[in-house]
Amino acid sequence: MSEKLHIIPHQHEISAEDRAQLNGHPGKVIWFVGLSGSGKSTLASELERRLFEEGKHTYILDGDNIRSGLNSDLDFSDAARKENIRRISEVAKLMVDAGVIVLTAFITPFEEERAKVKALIGADNYIEVFVNCPLEECEKRDVKGLYAKARRGEISNFTGISSPFEEPQNPDIKVPTHELTVVEGVDNLMALLEKRL
């Protein structure tokens, strides 16, 4: 008999709807997808600042920050990348239930994993942002020097070089950061969120 049969989630008094009413907005996940260097974290930070100034309850889950703590035991193999996203999804789901607008900045290279995230969190609570920046432009930026290391073979399984990136098929919005300023990109995101929040 599986030990999981003995796990019975407790039903608490306060609901997600109660928290949304108290906060003045529901919890949501804004999931930024894109190559390293595309501008995910930059957009997420500026969007969070704008939302915070409007009195919204927000929190950013960022790739490097999560991998230095919660997911520090994972490497960059395909299996570990999937586990990385699974754990983040579960954390984001809890935060949505708490009434927080969660902004996540993760490469999330596989369409199958993005579909699982959306299914877990719920389509109504999930907003997918494709930070659409060509590989060539990301390499030019190379803000962390990672592409150069990947090209020299110092980093294995690097998305866009030695590991694939599957472009999102149906994102809620695309932000071409090689064509728009950060302010313009966030303006577009705010316009979308006005409808979704």
C-alpha atoms as a PDB file:
ATOM      1  CA  MET A   1       0.000   0.000   0.000  1.00  0.00           C
ATOM      2  CA  SER A   2       1.340   3.413  -0.950  1.00  0.00           C
ATOM      3  CA  GLU A   3       2.161   5.765   1.907  1.00  0.00           C
ATOM      4  CA  LYS A   4       0.608   8.554  -0.144  1.00  0.00           C
ATOM      5  CA  LEU A   5      -2.801   7.074   0.665  1.00  0.00           C
ATOM      6  CA  HIS A   6      -2.308   8.419   4.191  1.00  0.00           C
ATOM      7  CA  ILE A   7      -1.898  12.032   3.001  1.00  0.00           C
ATOM      8  CA  ILE A   8      -5.151  13.926   3.468  1.00  0.00           C
ATOM      9  CA  PRO A   9      -4.924  17.691   2.761  1.00  0.00           C
ATOM     10  CA  HIS A  10      -6.556  19.821   5.453  1.00  0.00           C
ATOM     11  CA  GLN A  11      -9.327  22.186   4.418  1.00  0.00           C
ATOM     12  CA  HIS A  12      -8.661  25.546   6.063  1.00  0.00           C
ATOM     13  CA  GLU A  13     -11.159  28.262   6.951  1.00  0.00           C
ATOM     14  CA  ILE A  14      -9.789  31.015   4.680  1.00  0.00           C
ATOM     15  CA  SER A  15     -10.157  30.493   0.919  1.00  0.00           C
ATOM     16  CA  ALA A  16      -8.338  31.912  -2.094  1.00  0.00           C
ATOM     17  CA  GLU A  17     -11.462  33.976  -2.768  1.00  0.00           C
ATOM     18  CA  ASP A  18     -11.286  35.443   0.757  1.00  0.00           C
ATOM     19  CA  ARG A  19      -7.668  36.439   0.192  1.00  0.00           C
ATOM     20  CA  ALA A  20      -8.463  37.965  -3.203  1.00  0.00           C
ATOM     21  CA  GLN A  21     -11.198  40.059  -1.614  1.00  0.00           C
ATOM     22  CA  LEU A  22      -8.842  41.239   1.131  1.00  0.00           C
ATOM     23  CA  ASN A  23      -6.027  42.015  -1.345  1.00  0.00           C
ATOM     24  CA  GLY A  24      -8.241  43.656  -3.936  1.00  0.00           C
ATOM     25  CA  HIS A  25      -7.000  41.284  -6.632  1.00  0.00           C
ATOM     26  CA  PRO A  26      -6.705  37.532  -7.260  1.00  0.00           C
ATOM     27  CA  GLY A  27      -3.476  35.588  -7.220  1.00  0.00           C
ATOM     28  CA  LYS A  28      -1.941  34.998 -10.660  1.00  0.00           C
ATOM     29  CA  VAL A  29       1.218  33.566 -12.158  1.00  0.00           C
ATOM     30  CA  ILE A  30       2.967  35.596 -14.847  1.00  0.00           C
ATOM     31  CA  TRP A  31       5.411  33.109 -16.341  1.00  0.00           C
ATOM     32  CA  PHE A  32       8.228  34.716 -18.370  1.00  0.00           C
ATOM     33  CA  VAL A  33       9.690  32.290 -20.930  1.00  0.00           C
ATOM     34  CA  GLY A  34      12.742  32.886 -23.101  1.00  0.00           C
ATOM     35  CA  LEU A  35      16.415  32.325 -23.759  1.00  0.00           C
ATOM     36  CA  SER A  36      19.126  33.361 -21.337  1.00  0.00           C
ATOM     37  CA  GLY A  37      19.772  37.057 -21.893  1.00  0.00           C
ATOM     38  CA  SER A  38      16.391  37.718 -23.518  1.00  0.00           C
ATOM     39  CA  GLY A  39      15.340  40.095 -20.742  1.00  0.00           C
ATOM     40  CA  LYS A  40      13.000  37.962 -18.620  1.00  0.00           C
ATOM     41  CA  SER A  41      14.294  39.132 -15.244  1.00  0.00           C
ATOM     42  CA  THR A  42      14.534  42.757 -16.361  1.00  0.00           C
ATOM     43  CA  LEU A  43      10.908  42.773 -17.535  1.00  0.00           C
ATOM     44  CA  ALA A  44       9.712  40.909 -14.449  1.00  0.00           C
ATOM     45  CA  SER A  45      11.484  43.372 -12.132  1.00  0.00           C
ATOM     46  CA  GLU A  46      10.029  46.423 -13.849  1.00  0.00           C
ATOM     47  CA  LEU A  47       6.557  44.886 -14.029  1.00  0.00           C
ATOM     48  CA  GLU A  48       6.713  44.009 -10.335  1.00  0.00           C
ATOM     49  CA  ARG A  49       7.710  47.580  -9.488  1.00  0.00           C
ATOM     50  CA  ARG A  50       4.725  48.945 -11.414  1.00  0.00           C
ATOM     51  CA  LEU A  51       2.303  46.469  -9.830  1.00  0.00           C
ATOM     52  CA  PHE A  52       3.729  47.095  -6.353  1.00  0.00           C
ATOM     53  CA  GLU A  53       3.256  50.847  -6.805  1.00  0.00           C
ATOM     54  CA  GLU A  54      -0.408  50.129  -7.554  1.00  0.00           C
ATOM     55  CA  GLY A  55      -0.705  48.335  -4.214  1.00  0.00           C
ATOM     56  CA  LYS A  56      -0.633  44.795  -5.618  1.00  0.00           C
ATOM     57  CA  HIS A  57       0.843  41.916  -3.628  1.00  0.00           C
ATOM     58  CA  THR A  58       3.714  40.537  -5.719  1.00  0.00           C
ATOM     59  CA  TYR A  59       6.730  38.256  -5.589  1.00  0.00           C
ATOM     60  CA  ILE A  60       9.391  37.262  -8.146  1.00  0.00           C
ATOM     61  CA  LEU A  61      10.690  33.707  -8.483  1.00  0.00           C
ATOM     62  CA  ASP A  62      13.876  33.975 -10.547  1.00  0.00           C
ATOM     63  CA  GLY A  63      15.973  31.195 -12.083  1.00  0.00           C
ATOM     64  CA  ASP A  64      19.353  31.856 -10.501  1.00  0.00           C
ATOM     65  CA  ASN A  65      17.837  32.706  -7.113  1.00  0.00           C
ATOM     66  CA  ILE A  66      15.825  29.485  -6.993  1.00  0.00           C
ATOM     67  CA  ARG A  67      18.763  27.387  -8.161  1.00  0.00           C
ATOM     68  CA  SER A  68      20.952  28.805  -5.398  1.00  0.00           C
ATOM     69  CA  GLY A  69      18.438  27.705  -2.758  1.00  0.00           C
ATOM     70  CA  LEU A  70      15.373  25.508  -3.228  1.00  0.00           C
ATOM     71  CA  ASN A  71      16.751  23.746  -6.307  1.00  0.00           C
ATOM     72  CA  SER A  72      20.465  23.834  -5.520  1.00  0.00           C
ATOM     73  CA  ASP A  73      20.554  20.028  -5.703  1.00  0.00           C
ATOM     74  CA  LEU A  74      19.610  19.968  -9.412  1.00  0.00           C
ATOM     75  CA  ASP A  75      21.933  19.967 -12.413  1.00  0.00           C
ATOM     76  CA  PHE A  76      21.020  21.052 -15.946  1.00  0.00           C
ATOM     77  CA  SER A  77      20.151  17.693 -17.492  1.00  0.00           C
ATOM     78  CA  ASP A  78      16.742  17.488 -19.185  1.00  0.00           C
ATOM     79  CA  ALA A  79      15.363  15.482 -16.243  1.00  0.00           C
ATOM     80  CA  ALA A  80      16.648  18.011 -13.702  1.00  0.00           C
ATOM     81  CA  ARG A  81      15.290  20.928 -15.735  1.00  0.00           C
ATOM     82  CA  LYS A  82      11.873  19.307 -15.675  1.00  0.00           C
ATOM     83  CA  GLU A  83      12.107  18.780 -11.908  1.00  0.00           C
ATOM     84  CA  ASN A  84      13.230  22.406 -11.516  1.00  0.00           C
ATOM     85  CA  ILE A  85      10.095  23.616 -13.285  1.00  0.00           C
ATOM     86  CA  ARG A  86       7.858  21.141 -11.414  1.00  0.00           C
ATOM     87  CA  ARG A  87       9.036  22.424  -8.027  1.00  0.00           C
ATOM     88  CA  ILE A  88       8.699  26.054  -9.060  1.00  0.00           C
ATOM     89  CA  SER A  89       5.178  25.352 -10.339  1.00  0.00           C
ATOM     90  CA  GLU A  90       4.169  23.877  -6.998  1.00  0.00           C
ATOM     91  CA  VAL A  91       5.584  26.883  -5.121  1.00  0.00           C
ATOM     92  CA  ALA A  92       3.844  29.293  -7.511  1.00  0.00           C
ATOM     93  CA  LYS A  93       0.546  27.442  -7.057  1.00  0.00           C
ATOM     94  CA  LEU A  94       0.770  27.861  -3.278  1.00  0.00           C
ATOM     95  CA  MET A  95       1.541  31.556  -3.670  1.00  0.00           C
ATOM     96  CA  VAL A  96      -1.451  32.036  -5.992  1.00  0.00           C
ATOM     97  CA  ASP A  97      -3.632  30.436  -3.321  1.00  0.00           C
ATOM     98  CA  ALA A  98      -2.144  32.967  -0.877  1.00  0.00           C
ATOM     99  CA  GLY A  99      -3.357  35.744  -3.180  1.00  0.00           C
ATOM    100  CA  VAL A 100       0.011  36.808  -4.546  1.00  0.00           C
ATOM    101  CA  ILE A 101       0.787  37.850  -8.118  1.00  0.00           C
ATOM    102  CA  VAL A 102       3.816  35.667  -8.817  1.00  0.00           C
ATOM    103  CA  LEU A 103       6.241  36.657 -11.558  1.00  0.00           C
ATOM    104  CA  THR A 104       8.527  33.843 -12.657  1.00  0.00           C
ATOM    105  CA  ALA A 105      11.597  34.259 -14.868  1.00  0.00           C
ATOM    106  CA  PHE A 106      12.729  30.847 -16.136  1.00  0.00           C
ATOM    107  CA  ILE A 107      13.950  29.727 -19.550  1.00  0.00           C
ATOM    108  CA  THR A 108      11.373  26.887 -19.449  1.00  0.00           C
ATOM    109  CA  PRO A 109      12.613  25.441 -22.743  1.00  0.00           C
ATOM    110  CA  PHE A 110      10.120  22.607 -23.246  1.00  0.00           C
ATOM    111  CA  GLU A 111       6.521  23.048 -24.431  1.00  0.00           C
ATOM    112  CA  GLU A 112       5.463  19.923 -22.547  1.00  0.00           C
ATOM    113  CA  GLU A 113       6.658  21.411 -19.254  1.00  0.00           C
ATOM    114  CA  ARG A 114       4.916  24.729 -19.895  1.00  0.00           C
ATOM    115  CA  ALA A 115       1.675  22.840 -20.557  1.00  0.00           C
ATOM    116  CA  LYS A 116       2.085  21.011 -17.229  1.00  0.00           C
ATOM    117  CA  VAL A 117       2.642  24.306 -15.413  1.00  0.00           C
ATOM    118  CA  LYS A 118      -0.506  25.764 -16.950  1.00  0.00           C
ATOM    119  CA  ALA A 119      -2.532  22.659 -16.064  1.00  0.00           C
ATOM    120  CA  LEU A 120      -1.274  22.644 -12.460  1.00  0.00           C
ATOM    121  CA  ILE A 121      -1.836  26.341 -11.812  1.00  0.00           C
ATOM    122  CA  GLY A 122      -5.021  26.558 -13.877  1.00  0.00           C
ATOM    123  CA  ALA A 123      -5.496  28.395 -17.172  1.00  0.00           C
ATOM    124  CA  ASP A 124      -7.390  31.248 -15.459  1.00  0.00           C
ATOM    125  CA  ASN A 125      -4.451  31.909 -13.135  1.00  0.00           C
ATOM    126  CA  TYR A 126      -1.624  31.467 -15.655  1.00  0.00           C
ATOM    127  CA  ILE A 127      -0.305  34.174 -17.983  1.00  0.00           C
ATOM    128  CA  GLU A 128       2.498  33.096 -20.303  1.00  0.00           C
ATOM    129  CA  VAL A 129       4.853  35.811 -21.542  1.00  0.00           C
ATOM    130  CA  PHE A 130       7.208  34.824 -24.360  1.00  0.00           C
ATOM    131  CA  VAL A 131      10.204  37.129 -24.147  1.00  0.00           C
ATOM    132  CA  ASN A 132      10.904  36.734 -27.815  1.00  0.00           C
ATOM    133  CA  CYS A 133      14.514  37.684 -28.495  1.00  0.00           C
ATOM    134  CA  PRO A 134      16.591  35.970 -31.206  1.00  0.00           C
ATOM    135  CA  LEU A 135      19.525  33.808 -30.137  1.00  0.00           C
ATOM    136  CA  GLU A 136      21.944  36.071 -32.025  1.00  0.00           C
ATOM    137  CA  GLU A 137      20.829  39.102 -30.009  1.00  0.00           C
ATOM    138  CA  CYS A 138      20.970  37.190 -26.717  1.00  0.00           C
ATOM    139  CA  GLU A 139      24.519  36.133 -27.580  1.00  0.00           C
ATOM    140  CA  LYS A 140      25.482  39.719 -28.353  1.00  0.00           C
ATOM    141  CA  ARG A 141      24.214  40.795 -24.954  1.00  0.00           C
ATOM    142  CA  ASP A 142      25.694  37.771 -23.113  1.00  0.00           C
ATOM    143  CA  VAL A 143      25.281  39.674 -19.856  1.00  0.00           C
ATOM    144  CA  LYS A 144      26.592  36.788 -17.746  1.00  0.00           C
ATOM    145  CA  GLY A 145      29.201  35.509 -20.193  1.00  0.00           C
ATOM    146  CA  LEU A 146      27.368  32.190 -20.408  1.00  0.00           C
ATOM    147  CA  TYR A 147      27.075  31.921 -24.189  1.00  0.00           C
ATOM    148  CA  ALA A 148      30.823  32.369 -24.596  1.00  0.00           C
ATOM    149  CA  LYS A 149      31.437  29.604 -22.040  1.00  0.00           C
ATOM    150  CA  ALA A 150      28.889  27.347 -23.758  1.00  0.00           C
ATOM    151  CA  ARG A 151      30.535  27.921 -27.142  1.00  0.00           C
ATOM    152  CA  ARG A 152      33.893  26.933 -25.615  1.00  0.00           C
ATOM    153  CA  GLY A 153      32.324  23.763 -24.192  1.00  0.00           C
ATOM    154  CA  GLU A 154      32.677  24.898 -20.580  1.00  0.00           C
ATOM    155  CA  ILE A 155      28.914  24.651 -19.991  1.00  0.00           C
ATOM    156  CA  SER A 156      27.015  21.594 -21.181  1.00  0.00           C
ATOM    157  CA  ASN A 157      23.272  21.416 -21.849  1.00  0.00           C
ATOM    158  CA  PHE A 158      23.071  25.163 -22.461  1.00  0.00           C
ATOM    159  CA  THR A 159      19.730  26.201 -23.972  1.00  0.00           C
ATOM    160  CA  GLY A 160      20.040  27.509 -27.505  1.00  0.00           C
ATOM    161  CA  ILE A 161      23.544  26.089 -27.976  1.00  0.00           C
ATOM    162  CA  SER A 162      23.733  22.444 -26.880  1.00  0.00           C
ATOM    163  CA  SER A 163      20.169  22.010 -25.606  1.00  0.00           C
ATOM    164  CA  PRO A 164      16.968  22.883 -27.494  1.00  0.00           C
ATOM    165  CA  PHE A 165      14.524  25.707 -26.870  1.00  0.00           C
ATOM    166  CA  GLU A 166      10.988  25.053 -28.081  1.00  0.00           C
ATOM    167  CA  GLU A 167       9.247  28.350 -28.798  1.00  0.00           C
ATOM    168  CA  PRO A 168       5.870  28.724 -27.053  1.00  0.00           C
ATOM    169  CA  GLN A 169       3.000  27.841 -29.369  1.00  0.00           C
ATOM    170  CA  ASN A 170       0.270  29.945 -27.749  1.00  0.00           C
ATOM    171  CA  PRO A 171       1.670  32.469 -25.273  1.00  0.00           C
ATOM    172  CA  ASP A 172      -0.704  35.073 -23.876  1.00  0.00           C
ATOM    173  CA  ILE A 173       1.669  37.776 -25.096  1.00  0.00           C
ATOM    174  CA  LYS A 174       4.988  38.121 -26.904  1.00  0.00           C
ATOM    175  CA  VAL A 175       7.467  40.800 -25.901  1.00  0.00           C
ATOM    176  CA  PRO A 176      10.199  41.236 -28.554  1.00  0.00           C
ATOM    177  CA  THR A 177      12.873  42.813 -26.365  1.00  0.00           C
ATOM    178  CA  HIS A 178      15.162  43.401 -29.361  1.00  0.00           C
ATOM    179  CA  GLU A 179      12.501  45.748 -30.782  1.00  0.00           C
ATOM    180  CA  LEU A 180      10.907  47.319 -27.675  1.00  0.00           C
ATOM    181  CA  THR A 181      12.314  49.222 -24.715  1.00  0.00           C
ATOM    182  CA  VAL A 182      11.712  47.822 -21.234  1.00  0.00           C
ATOM    183  CA  VAL A 183       9.116  50.540 -20.623  1.00  0.00           C
ATOM    184  CA  GLU A 184       7.269  49.722 -23.853  1.00  0.00           C
ATOM    185  CA  GLY A 185       7.301  46.008 -23.061  1.00  0.00           C
ATOM    186  CA  VAL A 186       5.944  46.579 -19.560  1.00  0.00           C
ATOM    187  CA  ASP A 187       3.296  48.971 -20.901  1.00  0.00           C
ATOM    188  CA  ASN A 188       2.056  46.121 -23.114  1.00  0.00           C
ATOM    189  CA  LEU A 189       2.058  43.742 -20.156  1.00  0.00           C
ATOM    190  CA  MET A 190       0.164  46.194 -17.962  1.00  0.00           C
ATOM    191  CA  ALA A 191      -2.500  46.565 -20.656  1.00  0.00           C
ATOM    192  CA  LEU A 192      -2.947  42.787 -20.708  1.00  0.00           C
ATOM    193  CA  LEU A 193      -3.060  42.554 -16.916  1.00  0.00           C
ATOM    194  CA  GLU A 194      -5.773  45.201 -16.668  1.00  0.00           C
ATOM    195  CA  LYS A 195      -8.014  42.711 -18.424  1.00  0.00           C
ATOM    196  CA  ARG A 196      -6.819  39.646 -16.473  1.00  0.00           C
ATOM    197  CA  LEU A 197      -6.749  41.109 -12.945  1.00  0.00           C
END
